[in-house]
Amino acid sequence: MAARAADLLSARPRGFDGAMWRLLTGGIKAILAITALVVAAQWATRPAPGSRAVAAVPDPAVTGTVSSRAKPSPLDQRALQRLIREGR
């Protein structure tokens, strides 16, 4: 069974010469290596659960501290009303 799996992995599709096949498999290996490095870096920089860094950031959903947008000035409202009236 192991020999059959190795044969399937080493088999090249028709039309692929040696250089093109090496380029394709090399590119796939490079993408996998970069992905592994990025995931490892994310895990390395992730704060530990229960640490002070995590506890220092308040959760907006729990504390209700979500900042609201600034209200538009009254001039903007008047201009909008004038545009609505002119459109009728």
Protein backbone atom coordinates (compact mmCIF):
# COMPACT_ATOMS: atom_id res chain seq x y z
CA MET A 1 0.00 0.00 0.00
CA ALA A 2 2.82 2.43 0.87
CA ALA A 3 4.55 1.75 -2.43
CA ARG A 4 1.35 2.50 -4.32
CA ALA A 5 0.90 5.82 -2.50
CA ALA A 6 4.48 6.79 -3.29
CA ASP A 7 3.91 5.94 -6.95
CA LEU A 8 0.81 8.13 -7.07
CA LEU A 9 2.62 11.07 -5.47
CA SER A 10 5.57 10.86 -7.85
CA ALA A 11 3.45 10.43 -11.00
CA ARG A 12 3.46 13.47 -13.28
CA PRO A 13 0.46 14.56 -15.33
CA ARG A 14 0.89 14.42 -19.09
CA GLY A 15 2.55 17.45 -20.64
CA PHE A 16 4.67 18.31 -17.60
CA ASP A 17 8.38 18.10 -18.27
CA GLY A 18 10.91 17.92 -15.44
CA ALA A 19 11.51 21.66 -15.07
CA MET A 20 7.85 22.59 -15.04
CA TRP A 21 7.05 19.87 -12.52
CA ARG A 22 9.89 21.01 -10.23
CA LEU A 23 8.65 24.61 -10.50
CA LEU A 24 5.10 23.59 -9.61
CA THR A 25 6.04 21.38 -6.67
CA GLY A 26 8.64 23.90 -5.47
CA GLY A 27 6.03 26.65 -5.50
CA ILE A 28 3.60 24.52 -3.52
CA LYS A 29 6.32 23.74 -0.97
CA ALA A 30 7.17 27.44 -0.69
CA ILE A 31 3.53 28.37 -0.08
CA LEU A 32 3.23 25.69 2.60
CA ALA A 33 6.46 26.84 4.27
CA ILE A 34 5.35 30.49 4.33
CA THR A 35 1.97 29.49 5.73
CA ALA A 36 3.62 27.45 8.48
CA LEU A 37 5.89 30.38 9.39
CA VAL A 38 2.98 32.83 9.52
CA VAL A 39 0.92 30.53 11.74
CA ALA A 40 3.91 29.95 14.03
CA ALA A 41 4.50 33.70 14.31
CA GLN A 42 0.84 34.33 15.15
CA TRP A 43 0.91 31.67 17.86
CA ALA A 44 4.18 33.03 19.25
CA THR A 45 2.81 36.59 19.57
CA ARG A 46 -0.56 35.54 20.97
CA PRO A 47 -1.02 36.68 24.57
CA ALA A 48 -1.57 33.96 27.12
CA PRO A 49 -5.14 33.59 28.41
CA GLY A 50 -5.62 35.39 31.70
CA SER A 51 -2.58 37.61 31.22
CA ARG A 52 -2.64 41.29 32.06
CA ALA A 53 -2.45 42.28 28.41
CA VAL A 54 -5.75 40.56 27.72
CA ALA A 55 -7.38 41.75 30.95
CA ALA A 56 -6.38 45.39 30.32
CA VAL A 57 -8.52 45.64 27.18
CA PRO A 58 -12.19 46.13 28.13
CA ASP A 59 -14.73 44.20 26.12
CA PRO A 60 -17.08 46.75 24.48
CA ALA A 61 -19.96 44.29 24.31
CA VAL A 62 -19.84 43.78 28.08
CA THR A 63 -18.94 47.30 29.25
CA GLY A 64 -21.18 49.19 26.84
CA THR A 65 -18.34 51.51 25.87
CA VAL A 66 -18.81 51.37 22.13
CA SER A 67 -18.15 54.88 20.88
CA SER A 68 -20.83 56.45 18.76
CA ARG A 69 -20.27 58.33 15.56
CA ALA A 70 -20.24 62.08 15.61
CA LYS A 71 -23.64 63.56 14.81
CA PRO A 72 -23.83 65.41 11.50
CA SER A 73 -24.05 69.17 11.72
CA PRO A 74 -27.47 70.82 11.25
CA LEU A 75 -26.26 72.27 7.94
CA ASP A 76 -25.90 68.78 6.55
CA GLN A 77 -29.47 67.95 7.59
CA ARG A 78 -30.82 71.11 5.98
CA ALA A 79 -28.97 70.44 2.75
CA LEU A 80 -30.32 66.89 2.70
CA GLN A 81 -33.88 68.09 3.28
CA ARG A 82 -33.52 70.65 0.48
CA LEU A 83 -32.28 67.96 -1.90
CA ILE A 84 -35.21 65.70 -1.00
CA ARG A 85 -37.71 68.52 -1.59
CA GLU A 86 -36.15 69.46 -4.94
CA GLY A 87 -36.27 65.84 -6.09
CA ARG A 88 -40.09 65.69 -5.91
